[in-house]
């Protein structure tokens, strides 16, 4: 009986001592998406794991200037309930939403399954901010990737990539595969439009 009492007291002491250590362990878990009030991942931030149809209750409505996507693809929209203009972004760091035309404009966000045709990356070796496209894009300026593509993964279909908007200038056609350095195609940071063909 004394053994059980002593064991219980020891467990209580250990629990009381370590109880405060449990919270930091949970806090270290990466969020699916982290939003920041200021550019370059500065200012107040918030971690989200699930859909948020109205960011007003979290204090981030029209107050997001940069984002880190740790996992999954996320749809961000200018209106509540996923209305208005929306973009879908994949894992990566998006340090200035001005380049996407969404600075202080996001009102709702949700994780989405993306049927990907092509994924473009800012950096070589499929790293840096990325974006998934399923349809032709005649002008990449709106998506923040004009002259900013350094590597590509084609998941399905054939794609025509061009140095000018509206599929002009020098173009190449690529099929399914990984293209980890566009310097090899002389297209590093030069693509301005892409088309599913």
N, C-alpha and C. Protein backbone atom coordinates (compact mmCIF):
# COMPACT_ATOMS: atom_id res chain seq x y z
N UNK A 1 0.84 -1.20 0.00
CA UNK A 1 0.00 0.00 0.00
C UNK A 1 0.87 1.25 0.00
N UNK A 2 1.91 1.24 0.85
CA UNK A 2 2.80 2.39 0.90
C UNK A 2 3.51 2.58 -0.44
N UNK A 3 3.83 1.47 -1.12
CA UNK A 3 4.52 1.54 -2.42
C UNK A 3 3.65 2.28 -3.44
N UNK A 4 2.35 1.93 -3.48
CA UNK A 4 1.44 2.59 -4.42
C UNK A 4 1.27 4.06 -4.08
N UNK A 5 1.17 4.37 -2.76
CA UNK A 5 1.03 5.77 -2.35
C UNK A 5 2.27 6.57 -2.74
N UNK A 6 3.44 5.97 -2.49
CA UNK A 6 4.69 6.65 -2.84
C UNK A 6 4.79 6.85 -4.34
N UNK A 7 4.39 5.79 -5.08
CA UNK A 7 4.42 5.89 -6.53
C UNK A 7 3.49 6.97 -7.03
N UNK A 8 2.31 7.05 -6.43
CA UNK A 8 1.34 8.07 -6.84
C UNK A 8 1.87 9.47 -6.56
N UNK A 9 2.51 9.63 -5.35
CA UNK A 9 3.06 10.94 -4.99
C UNK A 9 4.19 11.32 -5.94
N UNK A 10 5.05 10.32 -6.28
CA UNK A 10 6.15 10.60 -7.20
C UNK A 10 5.62 11.01 -8.57
N UNK A 11 4.57 10.31 -9.03
CA UNK A 11 3.96 10.63 -10.32
C UNK A 11 3.37 12.04 -10.30
N UNK A 12 2.75 12.40 -9.18
CA UNK A 12 2.17 13.74 -9.05
C UNK A 12 3.25 14.80 -9.11
N UNK A 13 4.38 14.54 -8.44
CA UNK A 13 5.48 15.51 -8.43
C UNK A 13 6.07 15.65 -9.83
N UNK A 14 6.29 14.48 -10.50
CA UNK A 14 6.85 14.52 -11.86
C UNK A 14 5.90 15.24 -12.80
N UNK A 15 4.58 14.95 -12.66
CA UNK A 15 3.59 15.60 -13.53
C UNK A 15 3.59 17.10 -13.30
N UNK A 16 3.66 17.50 -12.02
CA UNK A 16 3.65 18.92 -11.72
C UNK A 16 4.91 19.60 -12.24
N UNK A 17 6.03 18.88 -12.16
CA UNK A 17 7.30 19.46 -12.61
C UNK A 17 7.38 19.53 -14.12
N UNK A 18 6.92 18.47 -14.81
CA UNK A 18 7.05 18.40 -16.26
C UNK A 18 5.84 18.96 -17.01
N UNK A 19 4.78 19.26 -16.26
CA UNK A 19 3.58 19.72 -16.93
C UNK A 19 3.82 20.91 -17.83
N UNK A 20 4.67 21.84 -17.38
CA UNK A 20 4.93 23.03 -18.19
C UNK A 20 5.79 22.73 -19.40
N UNK A 21 6.43 21.56 -19.40
CA UNK A 21 7.27 21.20 -20.54
C UNK A 21 6.48 20.60 -21.68
N UNK A 22 5.27 20.19 -21.43
CA UNK A 22 4.47 19.55 -22.47
C UNK A 22 4.03 20.56 -23.52
N UNK A 23 3.70 21.77 -23.09
CA UNK A 23 3.19 22.78 -24.01
C UNK A 23 4.19 23.14 -25.10
N UNK A 24 5.48 23.40 -24.75
CA UNK A 24 6.42 23.70 -25.82
C UNK A 24 6.57 22.60 -26.84
N UNK A 25 6.47 21.34 -26.41
CA UNK A 25 6.58 20.24 -27.36
C UNK A 25 5.45 20.31 -28.37
N UNK A 26 4.24 20.59 -27.89
CA UNK A 26 3.11 20.72 -28.80
C UNK A 26 3.27 21.94 -29.70
N UNK A 27 3.82 23.00 -29.13
CA UNK A 27 3.96 24.23 -29.90
C UNK A 27 4.97 24.09 -31.03
N UNK A 28 5.88 23.12 -30.93
CA UNK A 28 6.88 22.94 -31.95
C UNK A 28 6.32 22.27 -33.20
N UNK A 29 5.12 21.73 -33.12
CA UNK A 29 4.51 21.09 -34.28
C UNK A 29 4.27 22.14 -35.37
N UNK A 30 4.71 21.84 -36.58
CA UNK A 30 4.55 22.79 -37.67
C UNK A 30 3.09 22.92 -38.07
N UNK A 31 2.70 24.15 -38.36
CA UNK A 31 1.35 24.37 -38.88
C UNK A 31 1.36 24.02 -40.36
N UNK A 32 0.18 23.89 -40.93
CA UNK A 32 0.07 23.67 -42.37
C UNK A 32 0.34 24.98 -43.11
N UNK A 33 -0.14 26.09 -42.52
CA UNK A 33 0.12 27.41 -43.11
C UNK A 33 0.27 28.41 -41.98
N UNK A 34 1.24 29.30 -42.11
CA UNK A 34 1.47 30.34 -41.12
C UNK A 34 1.38 31.69 -41.83
N UNK A 35 0.53 32.57 -41.32
CA UNK A 35 0.34 33.88 -41.94
C UNK A 35 0.96 34.96 -41.06
N UNK A 36 1.44 36.03 -41.72
CA UNK A 36 2.11 37.12 -41.02
C UNK A 36 1.49 38.46 -41.42
N UNK A 37 1.45 39.39 -40.48
CA UNK A 37 0.91 40.72 -40.76
C UNK A 37 1.81 41.51 -41.69
N UNK A 38 3.13 41.30 -41.58
CA UNK A 38 4.08 42.10 -42.35
C UNK A 38 4.81 41.25 -43.37
N UNK A 39 5.49 41.90 -44.31
CA UNK A 39 6.26 41.17 -45.31
C UNK A 39 7.47 40.52 -44.66
N UNK A 40 8.08 39.58 -45.39
CA UNK A 40 9.29 38.88 -44.93
C UNK A 40 9.09 38.14 -43.61
N UNK A 41 7.88 37.60 -43.42
CA UNK A 41 7.55 36.78 -42.25
C UNK A 41 7.81 37.53 -40.93
N UNK A 42 7.38 38.78 -40.87
CA UNK A 42 7.53 39.58 -39.66
C UNK A 42 6.16 39.98 -39.13
N UNK A 43 6.18 40.49 -37.90
CA UNK A 43 4.95 40.97 -37.28
C UNK A 43 4.15 39.84 -36.66
N UNK A 44 2.99 40.15 -36.13
CA UNK A 44 2.12 39.12 -35.54
C UNK A 44 1.84 38.02 -36.55
N UNK A 45 1.76 36.79 -36.06
CA UNK A 45 1.52 35.65 -36.95
C UNK A 45 0.48 34.72 -36.35
N UNK A 46 -0.02 33.82 -37.20
CA UNK A 46 -1.02 32.86 -36.75
C UNK A 46 -0.86 31.58 -37.56
N UNK A 47 -1.01 30.44 -36.88
CA UNK A 47 -0.90 29.13 -37.53
C UNK A 47 -2.29 28.56 -37.78
N UNK A 48 -2.49 28.04 -38.98
CA UNK A 48 -3.77 27.42 -39.32
C UNK A 48 -3.55 25.99 -39.80
N UNK A 49 -4.46 25.12 -39.41
CA UNK A 49 -4.43 23.71 -39.84
C UNK A 49 -5.69 23.35 -40.63
N UNK A 50 -6.72 24.18 -40.52
CA UNK A 50 -8.01 23.88 -41.15
C UNK A 50 -8.55 25.10 -41.88
N UNK A 51 -9.64 24.89 -42.60
CA UNK A 51 -10.28 25.96 -43.35
C UNK A 51 -10.75 27.07 -42.42
N UNK A 52 -10.67 28.31 -42.92
CA UNK A 52 -11.20 29.46 -42.19
C UNK A 52 -12.00 30.28 -43.19
N UNK A 53 -13.32 30.25 -43.05
CA UNK A 53 -14.19 30.93 -44.02
C UNK A 53 -14.28 32.43 -43.78
N UNK A 54 -13.86 32.88 -42.59
CA UNK A 54 -13.94 34.30 -42.27
C UNK A 54 -12.80 34.65 -41.30
N UNK A 55 -11.79 35.36 -41.81
CA UNK A 55 -10.61 35.66 -40.99
C UNK A 55 -10.83 36.82 -40.02
N UNK A 56 -12.00 37.42 -40.01
CA UNK A 56 -12.25 38.52 -39.09
C UNK A 56 -12.16 38.07 -37.64
N UNK A 57 -12.64 36.87 -37.35
CA UNK A 57 -12.64 36.42 -35.96
C UNK A 57 -11.23 36.11 -35.45
N UNK A 58 -10.29 35.89 -36.38
CA UNK A 58 -8.91 35.62 -35.98
C UNK A 58 -8.04 36.87 -36.02
N UNK A 59 -8.64 38.00 -36.41
CA UNK A 59 -7.91 39.25 -36.45
C UNK A 59 -6.96 39.39 -37.62
N UNK A 60 -7.15 38.58 -38.67
CA UNK A 60 -6.25 38.64 -39.82
C UNK A 60 -6.97 38.96 -41.13
N UNK A 61 -8.22 39.38 -41.05
CA UNK A 61 -8.93 39.76 -42.27
C UNK A 61 -8.27 40.98 -42.90
N UNK A 62 -7.89 40.88 -44.17
CA UNK A 62 -7.22 41.97 -44.89
C UNK A 62 -5.97 42.45 -44.16
N UNK A 63 -5.27 41.52 -43.52
CA UNK A 63 -4.06 41.89 -42.77
C UNK A 63 -2.91 40.92 -42.98
N UNK A 64 -2.93 40.19 -44.07
CA UNK A 64 -1.87 39.22 -44.35
C UNK A 64 -0.95 39.77 -45.44
N UNK A 65 0.35 39.82 -45.12
CA UNK A 65 1.33 40.34 -46.07
C UNK A 65 2.37 39.32 -46.50
N UNK A 66 2.52 38.24 -45.74
CA UNK A 66 3.43 37.16 -46.12
C UNK A 66 2.95 35.85 -45.51
N UNK A 67 3.40 34.75 -46.10
CA UNK A 67 2.89 33.43 -45.71
C UNK A 67 3.99 32.38 -45.84
N UNK A 68 3.94 31.39 -44.95
CA UNK A 68 4.77 30.19 -45.10
C UNK A 68 3.83 28.99 -45.15
N UNK A 69 3.85 28.26 -46.25
CA UNK A 69 3.06 27.03 -46.37
C UNK A 69 3.99 25.86 -46.05
N UNK A 70 3.71 25.17 -44.96
CA UNK A 70 4.54 24.04 -44.56
C UNK A 70 4.13 22.74 -45.21
N UNK A 71 2.84 22.60 -45.48
CA UNK A 71 2.37 21.37 -46.12
C UNK A 71 1.04 21.60 -46.82
N UNK A 72 0.80 20.83 -47.86
CA UNK A 72 -0.46 20.91 -48.58
C UNK A 72 -0.54 22.10 -49.52
N UNK A 73 -1.68 22.20 -50.19
CA UNK A 73 -1.97 23.33 -51.06
C UNK A 73 -3.11 24.12 -50.43
N UNK A 74 -2.99 25.44 -50.49
CA UNK A 74 -3.95 26.31 -49.82
C UNK A 74 -4.56 27.30 -50.80
N UNK A 75 -5.86 27.45 -50.70
CA UNK A 75 -6.59 28.43 -51.50
C UNK A 75 -6.84 29.66 -50.65
N UNK A 76 -6.39 30.82 -51.12
CA UNK A 76 -6.57 32.07 -50.40
C UNK A 76 -7.44 32.99 -51.23
N UNK A 77 -8.46 33.57 -50.60
CA UNK A 77 -9.45 34.36 -51.34
C UNK A 77 -9.63 35.74 -50.73
N UNK A 78 -10.03 36.70 -51.58
CA UNK A 78 -10.17 38.09 -51.14
C UNK A 78 -11.48 38.35 -50.41
N UNK A 79 -12.45 37.46 -50.54
CA UNK A 79 -13.72 37.62 -49.84
C UNK A 79 -13.91 36.49 -48.83
N UNK A 80 -14.80 36.71 -47.87
CA UNK A 80 -15.13 35.64 -46.93
C UNK A 80 -15.85 34.52 -47.68
N UNK A 81 -15.89 33.34 -47.07
CA UNK A 81 -16.54 32.16 -47.65
C UNK A 81 -15.96 31.79 -49.02
N UNK A 82 -14.64 32.07 -49.19
CA UNK A 82 -13.88 31.66 -50.37
C UNK A 82 -14.39 32.29 -51.67
N UNK A 83 -14.84 33.53 -51.56
CA UNK A 83 -15.30 34.26 -52.74
C UNK A 83 -14.27 35.27 -53.22
N UNK A 84 -14.62 36.00 -54.26
CA UNK A 84 -13.72 37.00 -54.82
C UNK A 84 -12.60 36.36 -55.61
N UNK A 85 -11.47 37.04 -55.70
CA UNK A 85 -10.32 36.49 -56.40
C UNK A 85 -9.60 35.51 -55.49
N UNK A 86 -9.25 34.34 -56.03
CA UNK A 86 -8.58 33.30 -55.25
C UNK A 86 -7.32 32.83 -55.97
N UNK A 87 -6.32 32.45 -55.19
CA UNK A 87 -5.14 31.78 -55.74
C UNK A 87 -4.88 30.54 -54.91
N UNK A 88 -4.23 29.56 -55.52
CA UNK A 88 -3.84 28.35 -54.80
C UNK A 88 -2.31 28.30 -54.77
N UNK A 89 -1.75 28.14 -53.58
CA UNK A 89 -0.30 28.09 -53.43
C UNK A 89 0.11 26.80 -52.74
N UNK A 90 1.30 26.32 -53.08
CA UNK A 90 1.83 25.10 -52.49
C UNK A 90 2.92 25.41 -51.48
N UNK A 91 3.57 24.37 -50.94
CA UNK A 91 4.62 24.56 -49.93
C UNK A 91 5.69 25.55 -50.38
N UNK A 92 6.06 26.43 -49.47
CA UNK A 92 7.09 27.43 -49.77
C UNK A 92 6.89 28.68 -48.95
N UNK A 93 7.79 29.64 -49.13
CA UNK A 93 7.73 30.92 -48.43
C UNK A 93 7.35 32.01 -49.42
N UNK A 94 6.31 32.73 -49.09
CA UNK A 94 5.82 33.82 -49.94
C UNK A 94 5.99 35.10 -49.13
N UNK A 95 7.15 35.76 -49.30
CA UNK A 95 7.52 36.81 -48.35
C UNK A 95 6.99 38.20 -48.67
N UNK A 96 6.25 38.35 -49.75
CA UNK A 96 5.65 39.65 -50.04
C UNK A 96 4.42 39.46 -50.92
N UNK A 97 3.25 39.57 -50.33
CA UNK A 97 2.01 39.33 -51.08
C UNK A 97 1.71 40.43 -52.10
N UNK A 98 2.49 41.50 -52.10
CA UNK A 98 2.32 42.51 -53.15
C UNK A 98 2.60 41.89 -54.52
N UNK A 99 3.54 40.94 -54.57
CA UNK A 99 3.88 40.32 -55.85
C UNK A 99 2.74 39.47 -56.39
N UNK A 100 1.83 39.06 -55.50
CA UNK A 100 0.68 38.25 -55.92
C UNK A 100 -0.59 39.10 -56.02
N UNK A 101 -0.46 40.39 -55.73
CA UNK A 101 -1.63 41.27 -55.77
C UNK A 101 -2.61 41.00 -54.64
N UNK A 102 -2.12 40.45 -53.52
CA UNK A 102 -3.02 40.09 -52.42
C UNK A 102 -2.62 40.71 -51.09
N UNK A 103 -1.72 41.68 -51.10
CA UNK A 103 -1.28 42.27 -49.83
C UNK A 103 -2.46 42.90 -49.10
N UNK A 104 -2.67 42.47 -47.85
CA UNK A 104 -3.77 42.97 -47.01
C UNK A 104 -5.13 42.83 -47.70
N UNK A 105 -5.32 41.72 -48.41
CA UNK A 105 -6.59 41.52 -49.11
C UNK A 105 -7.23 40.16 -48.82
N UNK A 106 -6.53 39.24 -48.16
CA UNK A 106 -7.05 37.88 -47.94
C UNK A 106 -8.07 37.87 -46.81
N UNK A 107 -9.25 37.28 -47.09
CA UNK A 107 -10.33 37.22 -46.10
C UNK A 107 -10.74 35.80 -45.72
N UNK A 108 -10.29 34.81 -46.51
CA UNK A 108 -10.59 33.41 -46.18
C UNK A 108 -9.52 32.52 -46.79
N UNK A 109 -9.34 31.34 -46.19
CA UNK A 109 -8.34 30.40 -46.71
C UNK A 109 -8.75 28.98 -46.37
N UNK A 110 -8.35 28.04 -47.23
CA UNK A 110 -8.67 26.64 -46.96
C UNK A 110 -7.70 25.72 -47.70
N UNK A 111 -7.43 24.53 -47.09
CA UNK A 111 -6.60 23.54 -47.79
C UNK A 111 -7.39 22.91 -48.92
N UNK A 112 -6.74 22.63 -50.04
CA UNK A 112 -7.43 22.04 -51.18
C UNK A 112 -6.59 20.93 -51.80
N UNK A 113 -7.29 20.01 -52.43
CA UNK A 113 -6.62 19.00 -53.24
C UNK A 113 -6.47 19.56 -54.64
N UNK A 114 -5.29 19.52 -55.16
CA UNK A 114 -5.04 20.10 -56.47
C UNK A 114 -4.68 19.01 -57.47
N UNK A 115 -5.45 18.96 -58.55
CA UNK A 115 -5.11 18.07 -59.66
C UNK A 115 -4.08 18.81 -60.49
N UNK A 116 -2.83 18.46 -60.26
CA UNK A 116 -1.75 19.26 -60.80
C UNK A 116 -1.38 18.87 -62.23
N UNK A 117 -1.15 19.87 -63.07
CA UNK A 117 -0.63 19.64 -64.40
C UNK A 117 0.85 19.96 -64.44
N UNK A 118 1.21 21.13 -63.87
CA UNK A 118 2.60 21.56 -63.83
C UNK A 118 2.82 22.36 -62.55
N UNK A 119 3.97 22.13 -61.91
CA UNK A 119 4.36 22.91 -60.74
C UNK A 119 5.62 23.68 -61.08
N UNK A 120 5.58 24.99 -60.87
CA UNK A 120 6.75 25.83 -61.13
C UNK A 120 7.37 26.25 -59.81
N UNK A 121 8.68 26.43 -59.80
CA UNK A 121 9.41 26.79 -58.59
C UNK A 121 10.28 28.02 -58.86
N UNK A 122 10.43 28.86 -57.85
CA UNK A 122 11.27 30.05 -57.97
C UNK A 122 12.74 29.70 -58.09
N UNK A 123 13.15 28.62 -57.40
CA UNK A 123 14.57 28.28 -57.34
C UNK A 123 14.86 26.96 -58.06
N UNK A 124 16.13 26.69 -58.31
CA UNK A 124 16.52 25.44 -58.95
C UNK A 124 16.27 24.28 -58.00
N UNK A 125 16.28 23.07 -58.55
CA UNK A 125 16.11 21.83 -57.77
C UNK A 125 14.80 21.78 -57.01
N UNK A 126 13.74 22.30 -57.64
CA UNK A 126 12.37 22.23 -57.09
C UNK A 126 12.33 22.78 -55.66
N UNK A 127 12.88 23.94 -55.46
CA UNK A 127 12.87 24.56 -54.13
C UNK A 127 12.36 25.99 -54.23
N UNK A 128 12.11 26.58 -53.07
CA UNK A 128 11.57 27.93 -53.02
C UNK A 128 10.06 27.92 -53.22
N UNK A 129 9.45 29.09 -53.24
CA UNK A 129 8.01 29.19 -53.47
C UNK A 129 7.60 28.46 -54.74
N UNK A 130 6.43 27.84 -54.69
CA UNK A 130 5.97 27.06 -55.84
C UNK A 130 4.52 27.40 -56.15
N UNK A 131 4.09 27.01 -57.34
CA UNK A 131 2.72 27.27 -57.75
C UNK A 131 2.29 26.15 -58.68
N UNK A 132 1.07 25.64 -58.49
CA UNK A 132 0.52 24.58 -59.34
C UNK A 132 -0.43 25.18 -60.37
N UNK A 133 -0.25 24.77 -61.61
CA UNK A 133 -1.15 25.21 -62.68
C UNK A 133 -1.79 24.00 -63.34
N UNK A 134 -3.08 24.13 -63.64
CA UNK A 134 -3.80 23.09 -64.38
C UNK A 134 -4.21 23.57 -65.76
N UNK A 135 -4.19 24.90 -65.94
CA UNK A 135 -4.66 25.49 -67.19
C UNK A 135 -3.63 26.48 -67.72
N UNK A 136 -3.81 26.84 -68.96
CA UNK A 136 -2.91 27.80 -69.61
C UNK A 136 -2.95 29.14 -68.90
N UNK A 137 -1.79 29.82 -68.89
CA UNK A 137 -1.68 31.14 -68.28
C UNK A 137 -0.97 32.06 -69.27
N UNK A 138 -1.71 32.98 -69.91
CA UNK A 138 -1.09 33.84 -70.92
C UNK A 138 -0.19 34.94 -70.35
N UNK A 139 -0.32 35.21 -69.04
CA UNK A 139 0.47 36.28 -68.43
C UNK A 139 0.75 35.91 -66.97
N UNK A 140 2.00 35.57 -66.67
CA UNK A 140 2.36 35.11 -65.33
C UNK A 140 2.56 36.26 -64.33
N UNK A 141 2.44 37.49 -64.76
CA UNK A 141 2.64 38.61 -63.84
C UNK A 141 1.61 38.60 -62.71
N UNK A 142 0.40 38.21 -63.05
CA UNK A 142 -0.67 38.21 -62.05
C UNK A 142 -0.42 37.18 -60.95
N UNK A 143 0.27 36.10 -61.28
CA UNK A 143 0.53 35.04 -60.32
C UNK A 143 1.87 35.20 -59.60
N UNK A 144 2.59 36.28 -59.91
CA UNK A 144 3.85 36.53 -59.21
C UNK A 144 5.00 35.67 -59.66
N UNK A 145 4.87 35.03 -60.84
CA UNK A 145 5.94 34.15 -61.31
C UNK A 145 6.51 34.58 -62.66
N UNK A 146 6.18 35.77 -63.12
CA UNK A 146 6.73 36.24 -64.38
C UNK A 146 8.24 36.44 -64.24
N UNK A 147 9.00 35.80 -65.13
CA UNK A 147 10.47 35.86 -65.09
C UNK A 147 11.03 35.42 -63.74
N UNK A 148 10.36 34.48 -63.09
CA UNK A 148 10.80 34.01 -61.78
C UNK A 148 10.75 32.49 -61.65
N UNK A 149 10.81 31.79 -62.76
CA UNK A 149 10.76 30.32 -62.72
C UNK A 149 12.15 29.76 -63.01
N UNK A 150 12.63 28.91 -62.09
CA UNK A 150 13.97 28.32 -62.26
C UNK A 150 13.94 26.80 -62.40
N UNK A 151 12.84 26.17 -61.99
CA UNK A 151 12.71 24.73 -62.16
C UNK A 151 11.23 24.37 -62.23
N UNK A 152 10.97 23.19 -62.78
CA UNK A 152 9.58 22.80 -63.08
C UNK A 152 9.41 21.29 -62.91
N UNK A 153 8.22 20.89 -62.47
CA UNK A 153 7.82 19.48 -62.51
C UNK A 153 6.53 19.40 -63.33
N UNK A 154 6.57 18.65 -64.42
CA UNK A 154 5.36 18.43 -65.22
C UNK A 154 4.74 17.11 -64.76
N UNK A 155 3.54 17.18 -64.19
CA UNK A 155 2.87 15.99 -63.67
C UNK A 155 2.08 15.26 -64.75
N UNK A 156 1.50 16.03 -65.67
CA UNK A 156 0.71 15.40 -66.73
C UNK A 156 0.61 16.34 -67.92
N UNK A 157 0.50 15.75 -69.11
CA UNK A 157 0.33 16.53 -70.33
C UNK A 157 1.62 17.15 -70.83
N UNK A 158 1.50 17.89 -71.92
CA UNK A 158 2.62 18.63 -72.48
C UNK A 158 2.36 20.11 -72.30
N UNK A 159 3.42 20.87 -72.01
CA UNK A 159 3.29 22.28 -71.72
C UNK A 159 4.26 23.10 -72.57
N UNK A 160 3.75 24.20 -73.08
CA UNK A 160 4.55 25.13 -73.86
C UNK A 160 4.89 26.32 -72.97
N UNK A 161 6.18 26.61 -72.79
CA UNK A 161 6.62 27.71 -71.94
C UNK A 161 7.31 28.75 -72.83
N UNK A 162 6.92 30.01 -72.65
CA UNK A 162 7.39 31.07 -73.55
C UNK A 162 7.97 32.25 -72.77
N UNK A 163 8.89 32.95 -73.41
CA UNK A 163 9.59 34.06 -72.77
C UNK A 163 8.77 35.35 -72.76
N UNK A 164 7.75 35.44 -73.59
CA UNK A 164 6.89 36.62 -73.61
C UNK A 164 5.47 36.26 -73.18
N UNK A 165 4.70 37.25 -72.77
CA UNK A 165 3.30 36.99 -72.44
C UNK A 165 2.55 36.59 -73.71
N UNK A 166 1.41 35.96 -73.52
CA UNK A 166 0.54 35.50 -74.62
C UNK A 166 1.27 34.55 -75.57
N UNK A 167 2.17 33.74 -74.98
CA UNK A 167 2.84 32.66 -75.70
C UNK A 167 3.71 33.16 -76.85
N UNK A 168 4.30 34.34 -76.65
CA UNK A 168 5.21 34.88 -77.65
C UNK A 168 6.66 34.70 -77.28
N UNK A 169 7.56 35.18 -78.14
CA UNK A 169 8.99 35.07 -77.89
C UNK A 169 9.48 33.66 -78.13
N UNK A 170 10.56 33.30 -77.46
CA UNK A 170 11.09 31.94 -77.59
C UNK A 170 10.27 30.98 -76.74
N UNK A 171 9.89 29.83 -77.30
CA UNK A 171 9.07 28.85 -76.58
C UNK A 171 9.72 27.47 -76.66
N UNK A 172 9.51 26.69 -75.62
CA UNK A 172 9.89 25.27 -75.65
C UNK A 172 8.69 24.46 -75.20
N UNK A 173 8.62 23.22 -75.63
CA UNK A 173 7.56 22.31 -75.20
C UNK A 173 8.18 21.18 -74.39
N UNK A 174 7.63 20.94 -73.20
CA UNK A 174 8.15 19.88 -72.33
C UNK A 174 7.03 18.96 -71.91
N UNK A 175 7.38 17.70 -71.68
CA UNK A 175 6.41 16.69 -71.25
C UNK A 175 6.65 16.29 -69.81
N UNK A 176 5.93 15.27 -69.32
CA UNK A 176 6.06 14.84 -67.92
C UNK A 176 7.51 14.58 -67.53
N UNK A 177 7.87 15.08 -66.36
CA UNK A 177 9.23 14.90 -65.87
C UNK A 177 9.64 16.05 -64.97
N UNK A 178 10.88 15.98 -64.49
CA UNK A 178 11.43 17.00 -63.60
C UNK A 178 12.53 17.77 -64.33
N UNK A 179 12.41 19.07 -64.32
CA UNK A 179 13.39 19.95 -64.97
C UNK A 179 13.96 20.84 -63.87
N UNK A 180 15.08 20.38 -63.29
CA UNK A 180 15.53 21.00 -62.04
C UNK A 180 16.42 22.22 -62.19
N UNK A 181 16.73 22.62 -63.42
CA UNK A 181 17.51 23.83 -63.60
C UNK A 181 17.25 24.40 -65.00
N UNK A 182 16.48 25.46 -65.06
CA UNK A 182 16.11 26.03 -66.35
C UNK A 182 17.27 26.73 -67.06
N UNK A 183 18.41 26.84 -66.39
CA UNK A 183 19.59 27.35 -67.09
C UNK A 183 19.96 26.42 -68.24
N UNK A 184 19.67 25.13 -68.05
CA UNK A 184 19.97 24.16 -69.11
C UNK A 184 19.13 24.40 -70.36
N UNK A 185 17.95 24.97 -70.19
CA UNK A 185 17.08 25.28 -71.33
C UNK A 185 17.20 26.76 -71.73
N UNK A 186 18.10 27.49 -71.10
CA UNK A 186 18.28 28.92 -71.31
C UNK A 186 16.98 29.69 -71.06
N UNK A 187 16.24 29.22 -70.04
CA UNK A 187 14.97 29.88 -69.69
C UNK A 187 14.92 30.31 -68.23
N UNK A 188 16.05 30.26 -67.54
CA UNK A 188 16.04 30.61 -66.11
C UNK A 188 15.58 32.05 -65.92
N UNK A 189 14.52 32.20 -65.13
CA UNK A 189 13.93 33.53 -64.84
C UNK A 189 13.56 34.28 -66.11
N UNK A 190 13.05 33.54 -67.10
CA UNK A 190 12.66 34.18 -68.36
C UNK A 190 11.24 33.83 -68.81
N UNK A 191 10.59 32.87 -68.17
CA UNK A 191 9.26 32.42 -68.63
C UNK A 191 8.19 33.42 -68.21
N UNK A 192 7.38 33.83 -69.19
CA UNK A 192 6.30 34.81 -68.93
C UNK A 192 4.91 34.27 -69.20
N UNK A 193 4.82 33.12 -69.86
CA UNK A 193 3.52 32.50 -70.12
C UNK A 193 3.71 30.99 -70.29
N UNK A 194 2.68 30.25 -70.01
CA UNK A 194 2.74 28.80 -70.19
C UNK A 194 1.38 28.29 -70.65
N UNK A 195 1.42 27.24 -71.47
CA UNK A 195 0.20 26.77 -72.10
C UNK A 195 0.14 25.26 -72.13
N UNK A 196 -1.01 24.71 -71.73
CA UNK A 196 -1.25 23.27 -71.85
C UNK A 196 -1.60 22.96 -73.29
N UNK A 197 -0.88 22.00 -73.88
CA UNK A 197 -1.14 21.70 -75.29
C UNK A 197 -1.38 20.21 -75.50
